[in-house]
C-alpha atoms as a PDB file:
ATOM      1  CA  MET A   1      -3.650  19.100  26.719  1.00  0.00           C
ATOM      2  CA  SER A   2      -7.029  21.141  26.798  1.00  0.00           C
ATOM      3  CA  PRO A   3     -10.123  18.945  28.141  1.00  0.00           C
ATOM      4  CA  ARG A   4     -11.828  19.552  24.810  1.00  0.00           C
ATOM      5  CA  ALA A   5      -9.435  16.376  23.006  1.00  0.00           C
ATOM      6  CA  ARG A   6     -11.591  13.436  21.190  1.00  0.00           C
ATOM      7  CA  ALA A   7     -10.974  10.196  19.998  1.00  0.00           C
ATOM      8  CA  ALA A   8     -10.069  10.875  16.259  1.00  0.00           C
ATOM      9  CA  VAL A   9      -7.380  10.550  13.997  1.00  0.00           C
ATOM     10  CA  ALA A  10      -5.354  13.367  12.269  1.00  0.00           C
ATOM     11  CA  GLN A  11      -2.907  13.707   9.322  1.00  0.00           C
ATOM     12  CA  ALA A  12       0.595  16.052   9.008  1.00  0.00           C
ATOM     13  CA  TRP A  13       2.049  16.270   5.587  1.00  0.00           C
ATOM     14  CA  ILE A  14       5.609  17.104   6.198  1.00  0.00           C
ATOM     15  CA  ARG A  15       7.944  17.857   2.530  1.00  0.00           C
ATOM     16  CA  LEU A  16      10.907  19.697   2.427  1.00  0.00           C
ATOM     17  CA  ARG A  17      11.046  23.588   1.824  1.00  0.00           C
ATOM     18  CA  ALA A  18      14.264  22.645  -0.725  1.00  0.00           C
ATOM     19  CA  ASP A  19      14.107  20.657  -3.930  1.00  0.00           C
ATOM     20  CA  ASP A  20      14.002  17.006  -2.396  1.00  0.00           C
ATOM     21  CA  PRO A  21      16.710  14.991  -3.978  1.00  0.00           C
ATOM     22  CA  ALA A  22      14.688  11.770  -3.413  1.00  0.00           C
ATOM     23  CA  ALA A  23      11.924  12.802  -5.390  1.00  0.00           C
ATOM     24  CA  VAL A  24      14.040  14.657  -8.505  1.00  0.00           C
ATOM     25  CA  SER A  25      15.920  11.533  -8.332  1.00  0.00           C
ATOM     26  CA  ALA A  26      12.868   9.060  -9.012  1.00  0.00           C
ATOM     27  CA  LEU A  27      11.269  11.425 -11.375  1.00  0.00           C
ATOM     28  CA  ALA A  28      14.597  11.118 -13.502  1.00  0.00           C
ATOM     29  CA  VAL A  29      14.785   7.177 -13.213  1.00  0.00           C
ATOM     30  CA  ALA A  30      10.729   7.046 -13.592  1.00  0.00           C
ATOM     31  CA  ARG A  31      11.057   9.266 -17.129  1.00  0.00           C
ATOM     32  CA  ARG A  32      14.406   8.017 -18.329  1.00  0.00           C
ATOM     33  CA  SER A  33      13.871   3.735 -17.449  1.00  0.00           C
ATOM     34  CA  LEU A  34      10.167   3.165 -16.965  1.00  0.00           C
ATOM     35  CA  ALA A  35       7.344   3.243 -19.736  1.00  0.00           C
ATOM     36  CA  ALA A  36       4.961   4.538 -16.983  1.00  0.00           C
ATOM     37  CA  GLY A  37       7.282   7.098 -15.849  1.00  0.00           C
ATOM     38  CA  ARG A  38       7.238   8.363 -19.775  1.00  0.00           C
ATOM     39  CA  GLY A  39       4.215  10.380 -19.219  1.00  0.00           C
ATOM     40  CA  LEU A  40       5.361  11.445 -15.747  1.00  0.00           C
ATOM     41  CA  ALA A  41       5.308  15.449 -15.272  1.00  0.00           C
ATOM     42  CA  ALA A  42       5.717  15.965 -11.992  1.00  0.00           C
ATOM     43  CA  LEU A  43       6.690  14.165  -8.652  1.00  0.00           C
ATOM     44  CA  GLN A  44       7.141  15.204  -4.652  1.00  0.00           C
ATOM     45  CA  ARG A  45       7.047  13.128  -2.024  1.00  0.00           C
ATOM     46  CA  PHE A  46       5.498  13.916   1.721  1.00  0.00           C
ATOM     47  CA  ARG A  47       6.270  12.296   5.055  1.00  0.00           C
ATOM     48  CA  LEU A  48       2.607  11.539   6.270  1.00  0.00           C
ATOM     49  CA  ILE A  49       2.496  11.078  10.003  1.00  0.00           C
ATOM     50  CA  GLU A  50      -0.756   9.623  11.206  1.00  0.00           C
ATOM     51  CA  LEU A  51      -1.966  10.677  15.090  1.00  0.00           C
ATOM     52  CA  SER A  52      -4.777   8.494  16.827  1.00  0.00           C
ATOM     53  CA  GLY A  53      -6.346   8.733  20.011  1.00  0.00           C
ATOM     54  CA  PRO A  54      -7.557  11.386  22.301  1.00  0.00           C
ATOM     55  CA  LEU A  55      -6.551  14.498  20.174  1.00  0.00           C
ATOM     56  CA  PRO A  56      -7.040  18.210  20.692  1.00  0.00           C
ATOM     57  CA  ALA A  57      -8.291  20.490  18.320  1.00  0.00           C
ATOM     58  CA  ARG A  58      -6.445  21.805  14.865  1.00  0.00           C
ATOM     59  CA  GLU A  59      -4.510  24.637  16.238  1.00  0.00           C
ATOM     60  CA  GLU A  60      -3.515  22.860  19.562  1.00  0.00           C
ATOM     61  CA  LEU A  61      -2.554  20.021  17.889  1.00  0.00           C
ATOM     62  CA  ALA A  62      -0.444  21.973  15.539  1.00  0.00           C
ATOM     63  CA  GLU A  63       1.436  23.921  18.279  1.00  0.00           C
ATOM     64  CA  LEU A  64       2.186  20.418  19.759  1.00  0.00           C
ATOM     65  CA  LEU A  65       3.641  19.244  16.225  1.00  0.00           C
ATOM     66  CA  HIS A  66       5.329  21.735  15.885  1.00  0.00           C
ATOM     67  CA  ARG A  67       7.774  21.944  19.218  1.00  0.00           C
ATOM     68  CA  SER A  68       8.725  18.649  19.191  1.00  0.00           C
ATOM     69  CA  SER A  69      11.359  17.423  16.771  1.00  0.00           C
ATOM     70  CA  GLN A  70       9.837  14.075  16.917  1.00  0.00           C
ATOM     71  CA  PHE A  71       7.620  15.114  14.217  1.00  0.00           C
ATOM     72  CA  TYR A  72       9.206  17.399  12.130  1.00  0.00           C
ATOM     73  CA  ASN A  73      12.127  20.244  11.526  1.00  0.00           C
ATOM     74  CA  PRO A  74      10.358  23.796  11.147  1.00  0.00           C
ATOM     75  CA  ASN A  75      13.944  24.774  10.206  1.00  0.00           C
ATOM     76  CA  LYS A  76      13.726  22.997   6.422  1.00  0.00           C
ATOM     77  CA  GLU A  77       9.969  21.652   6.229  1.00  0.00           C
ATOM     78  CA  GLU A  78       6.441  22.217   6.034  1.00  0.00           C
ATOM     79  CA  CYS A  79       4.051  20.756   8.176  1.00  0.00           C
ATOM     80  CA  ARG A  80       0.240  20.727   7.473  1.00  0.00           C
ATOM     81  CA  VAL A  81      -2.288  19.208   9.410  1.00  0.00           C
ATOM     82  CA  ARG A  82      -5.420  17.467   8.115  1.00  0.00           C
ATOM     83  CA  ALA A  83      -7.417  17.154  11.207  1.00  0.00           C
ATOM     84  CA  SER A  84     -10.845  15.481   9.368  1.00  0.00           C
ATOM     85  CA  ALA A  85     -11.923  13.471   6.737  1.00  0.00           C
ATOM     86  CA  GLU A  86     -13.285  16.378   5.355  1.00  0.00           C
ATOM     87  CA  GLU A  87     -10.781  18.279   4.709  1.00  0.00           C
ATOM     88  CA  PRO A  88      -8.658  17.884   1.327  1.00  0.00           C
ATOM     89  CA  ALA A  89      -5.454  16.441   1.328  1.00  0.00           C
ATOM     90  CA  PRO A  90      -2.515  18.602   0.018  1.00  0.00           C
ATOM     91  CA  LEU A  91      -2.708  17.359  -3.458  1.00  0.00           C
ATOM     92  CA  ALA A  92      -4.448  19.006  -6.629  1.00  0.00           C
ATOM     93  CA  PRO A  93      -7.220  16.805  -8.413  1.00  0.00           C
ATOM     94  CA  GLU A  94      -5.562  15.223 -11.329  1.00  0.00           C
ATOM     95  CA  GLU A  95      -2.690  13.957  -8.787  1.00  0.00           C
ATOM     96  CA  GLN A  96      -2.180  10.177  -7.871  1.00  0.00           C
ATOM     97  CA  ALA A  97      -0.738   9.041  -4.339  1.00  0.00           C
ATOM     98  CA  VAL A  98       1.260   6.495  -3.435  1.00  0.00           C
ATOM     99  CA  LEU A  99       1.277   5.479   0.305  1.00  0.00           C
ATOM    100  CA  VAL A 100       4.412   3.249   1.101  1.00  0.00           C
ATOM    101  CA  SER A 101       5.312   2.051   4.625  1.00  0.00           C
ATOM    102  CA  GLU A 102       8.013  -0.272   6.242  1.00  0.00           C
ATOM    103  CA  ARG A 103       5.994  -3.344   7.066  1.00  0.00           C
ATOM    104  CA  GLY A 104       5.621  -3.838  10.829  1.00  0.00           C
ATOM    105  CA  LEU A 105       7.835  -0.861  11.425  1.00  0.00           C
ATOM    106  CA  GLU A 106       5.723   2.069  10.525  1.00  0.00           C
ATOM    107  CA  ARG A 107       4.811   2.988  14.106  1.00  0.00           C
ATOM    108  CA  ARG A 108       6.556   5.996  16.108  1.00  0.00           C
ATOM    109  CA  SER A 109       7.239   4.848  19.544  1.00  0.00           C
ATOM    110  CA  ALA A 110       9.817   7.915  20.326  1.00  0.00           C
ATOM    111  CA  ALA A 111       7.007  10.315  19.185  1.00  0.00           C
ATOM    112  CA  GLU A 112       4.603   8.491  21.318  1.00  0.00           C
ATOM    113  CA  ARG A 113       5.829   8.813  24.497  1.00  0.00           C
ATOM    114  CA  TRP A 114       7.245  12.277  23.910  1.00  0.00           C
ATOM    115  CA  TRP A 115       3.307  13.004  23.261  1.00  0.00           C
ATOM    116  CA  SER A 116       2.167  11.336  26.538  1.00  0.00           C
ATOM    117  CA  ASN A 117       5.020  12.829  29.058  1.00  0.00           C
ATOM    118  CA  VAL A 118       3.461  16.224  27.262  1.00  0.00           C
ATOM    119  CA  THR A 119      -0.116  16.218  27.391  1.00  0.00           C
ATOM    120  CA  GLY A 120      -0.275  13.406  29.880  1.00  0.00           C
ATOM    121  CA  GLY A 121      -2.477  11.108  27.203  1.00  0.00           C
ATOM    122  CA  PRO A 122      -1.963   8.355  24.383  1.00  0.00           C
ATOM    123  CA  VAL A 123      -1.894   8.756  20.846  1.00  0.00           C
ATOM    124  CA  GLU A 124      -0.708   6.055  18.289  1.00  0.00           C
ATOM    125  CA  VAL A 125       1.958   7.325  16.022  1.00  0.00           C
ATOM    126  CA  ARG A 126       2.548   6.214  12.474  1.00  0.00           C
ATOM    127  CA  GLU A 127       4.828   7.724   9.232  1.00  0.00           C
ATOM    128  CA  GLY A 128       4.878   6.065   6.216  1.00  0.00           C
ATOM    129  CA  VAL A 129       5.986   8.330   2.609  1.00  0.00           C
ATOM    130  CA  VAL A 130       3.514   9.619   0.160  1.00  0.00           C
ATOM    131  CA  TRP A 131       4.749  10.303  -3.492  1.00  0.00           C
ATOM    132  CA  VAL A 132       2.407  12.501  -5.587  1.00  0.00           C
ATOM    133  CA  LEU A 133       2.206  11.883  -8.765  1.00  0.00           C
ATOM    134  CA  ARG A 134       0.999  14.103 -11.798  1.00  0.00           C
ATOM    135  CA  PHE A 135       1.283  12.823 -15.056  1.00  0.00           C
ATOM    136  CA  GLU A 136       0.064  14.348 -18.916  1.00  0.00           C
ATOM    137  CA  GLU A 137      -3.006  15.200 -19.952  1.00  0.00           C
ATOM    138  CA  GLY A 138      -4.622  12.167 -21.443  1.00  0.00           C
ATOM    139  CA  VAL A 139      -1.996   9.785 -19.637  1.00  0.00           C
ATOM    140  CA  ASP A 140      -4.102   7.264 -17.765  1.00  0.00           C
ATOM    141  CA  ALA A 141      -2.976   8.648 -14.439  1.00  0.00           C
ATOM    142  CA  ALA A 142      -3.955   5.994 -12.207  1.00  0.00           C
ATOM    143  CA  ALA A 143      -2.605   2.909 -14.141  1.00  0.00           C
ATOM    144  CA  GLN A 144       0.416   4.973 -14.682  1.00  0.00           C
ATOM    145  CA  ALA A 145       0.504   5.117 -11.057  1.00  0.00           C
ATOM    146  CA  ALA A 146       0.242   1.270  -9.932  1.00  0.00           C
ATOM    147  CA  ASP A 147       2.568   0.490 -12.561  1.00  0.00           C
ATOM    148  CA  LEU A 148       4.956   2.674 -11.166  1.00  0.00           C
ATOM    149  CA  ALA A 149       3.834   1.810  -7.275  1.00  0.00           C
ATOM    150  CA  VAL A 150       4.853  -1.936  -6.795  1.00  0.00           C
ATOM    151  CA  LEU A 151       8.881  -2.746  -7.915  1.00  0.00           C
ATOM    152  CA  ARG A 152       8.255  -6.274  -9.719  1.00  0.00           C
ATOM    153  CA  ASP A 153      11.198  -6.142 -12.105  1.00  0.00           C
ATOM    154  CA  ARG A 154      13.699  -3.721 -14.113  1.00  0.00           C
ATOM    155  CA  ASP A 155      10.586  -2.236 -16.287  1.00  0.00           C
ATOM    156  CA  HIS A 156       7.975  -1.628 -13.876  1.00  0.00           C
ATOM    157  CA  GLY A 157       7.671  -0.279 -10.223  1.00  0.00           C
ATOM    158  CA  LEU A 158      10.030   2.258  -8.322  1.00  0.00           C
ATOM    159  CA  LEU A 159       8.328   3.412  -5.126  1.00  0.00           C
ATOM    160  CA  CYS A 160       7.615   0.356  -2.943  1.00  0.00           C
ATOM    161  CA  ASN A 161       9.890  -2.871  -2.307  1.00  0.00           C
ATOM    162  CA  PRO A 162       7.477  -5.214  -1.979  1.00  0.00           C
ATOM    163  CA  GLY A 163       9.703  -7.656   0.341  1.00  0.00           C
ATOM    164  CA  ALA A 164       9.780  -4.917   3.329  1.00  0.00           C
ATOM    165  CA  GLN A 165       7.263  -2.976   2.634  1.00  0.00           C
ATOM    166  CA  GLU A 166       3.243  -2.206   2.259  1.00  0.00           C
ATOM    167  CA  HIS A 167       1.657   0.685  -0.463  1.00  0.00           C
ATOM    168  CA  ARG A 168      -2.010   2.152  -0.875  1.00  0.00           C
ATOM    169  CA  LEU A 169      -3.129   4.197  -4.000  1.00  0.00           C
ATOM    170  CA  SER A 170      -5.420   7.037  -3.970  1.00  0.00           C
ATOM    171  CA  GLY A 171      -6.871   9.518  -6.295  1.00  0.00           C
ATOM    172  CA  ALA A 172      -6.203  13.307  -4.904  1.00  0.00           C
ATOM    173  CA  GLU A 173      -9.171  11.941  -2.058  1.00  0.00           C
ATOM    174  CA  VAL A 174      -7.020  10.446   0.176  1.00  0.00           C
ATOM    175  CA  PRO A 175      -8.875   8.566   3.093  1.00  0.00           C
ATOM    176  CA  LEU A 176      -8.764   9.843   7.081  1.00  0.00           C
ATOM    177  CA  PRO A 177      -7.616   7.031   8.554  1.00  0.00           C
ATOM    178  CA  TRP A 178      -4.911   6.082   5.675  1.00  0.00           C
ATOM    179  CA  LEU A 179      -1.764   4.703   7.265  1.00  0.00           C
ATOM    180  CA  THR A 180      -3.624   3.364  10.994  1.00  0.00           C
ATOM    181  CA  PRO A 181      -5.327   0.142  10.168  1.00  0.00           C
ATOM    182  CA  VAL A 182      -8.985   0.140  10.861  1.00  0.00           C
ATOM    183  CA  ARG A 183     -10.069  -1.926  13.551  1.00  0.00           C
ATOM    184  CA  ALA A 184     -12.254  -4.740  12.546  1.00  0.00           C
ATOM    185  CA  ARG A 185     -15.708  -5.326  14.350  1.00  0.00           C
ATOM    186  CA  PRO A 186     -15.623  -9.060  15.805  1.00  0.00           C
ATOM    187  CA  ARG A 187     -17.956 -11.235  13.578  1.00  0.00           C
ATOM    188  CA  ARG A 188     -20.859 -12.616  15.009  1.00  0.00           C
ATOM    189  CA  ARG A 189     -20.694 -16.190  15.003  1.00  0.00           C
ATOM    190  CA  ALA A 190     -23.700 -18.072  13.394  1.00  0.00           C
ATOM    191  CA  PRO A 191     -26.443 -19.363  16.053  1.00  0.00           C
END
């Protein structure tokens, strides 16, 4: 890794090049069975990988991700790197995003070990799934996305099982970091 590495957070947005069976199925179920899904025009699924630590510049970061099967398969998936909060996520302005991660299992230790072996530096790698929802005009997209996000009963929710998963909602302006926990500052004790 180049000596220009800096402490940072970057995202890799990964999706299948072909139709995604999970997204096609979820779209059909939402439209057919859920009131919140009736105005759903499109549904996509991304794997979101967030790397935090001393990271190289965008070009070297993308090349490292491309070299390892720990992150994605370039033969069947495409990967878009987002290296700063100023860069947009791969969402249209009218789309809503639901991030779903396995509670306590979002860390990817094998990818962290690969990174350390190749670059000599530490990195934290976390992975989740981002469902991108686009609704028909006139639909309250944020409210409908929230209703579809968490499974509550057979008439509400689809994308996140609250017994084992966590979720976060966003409009098209996705935060960075989004998956990596932001470390809280210690509170000062009152004198």
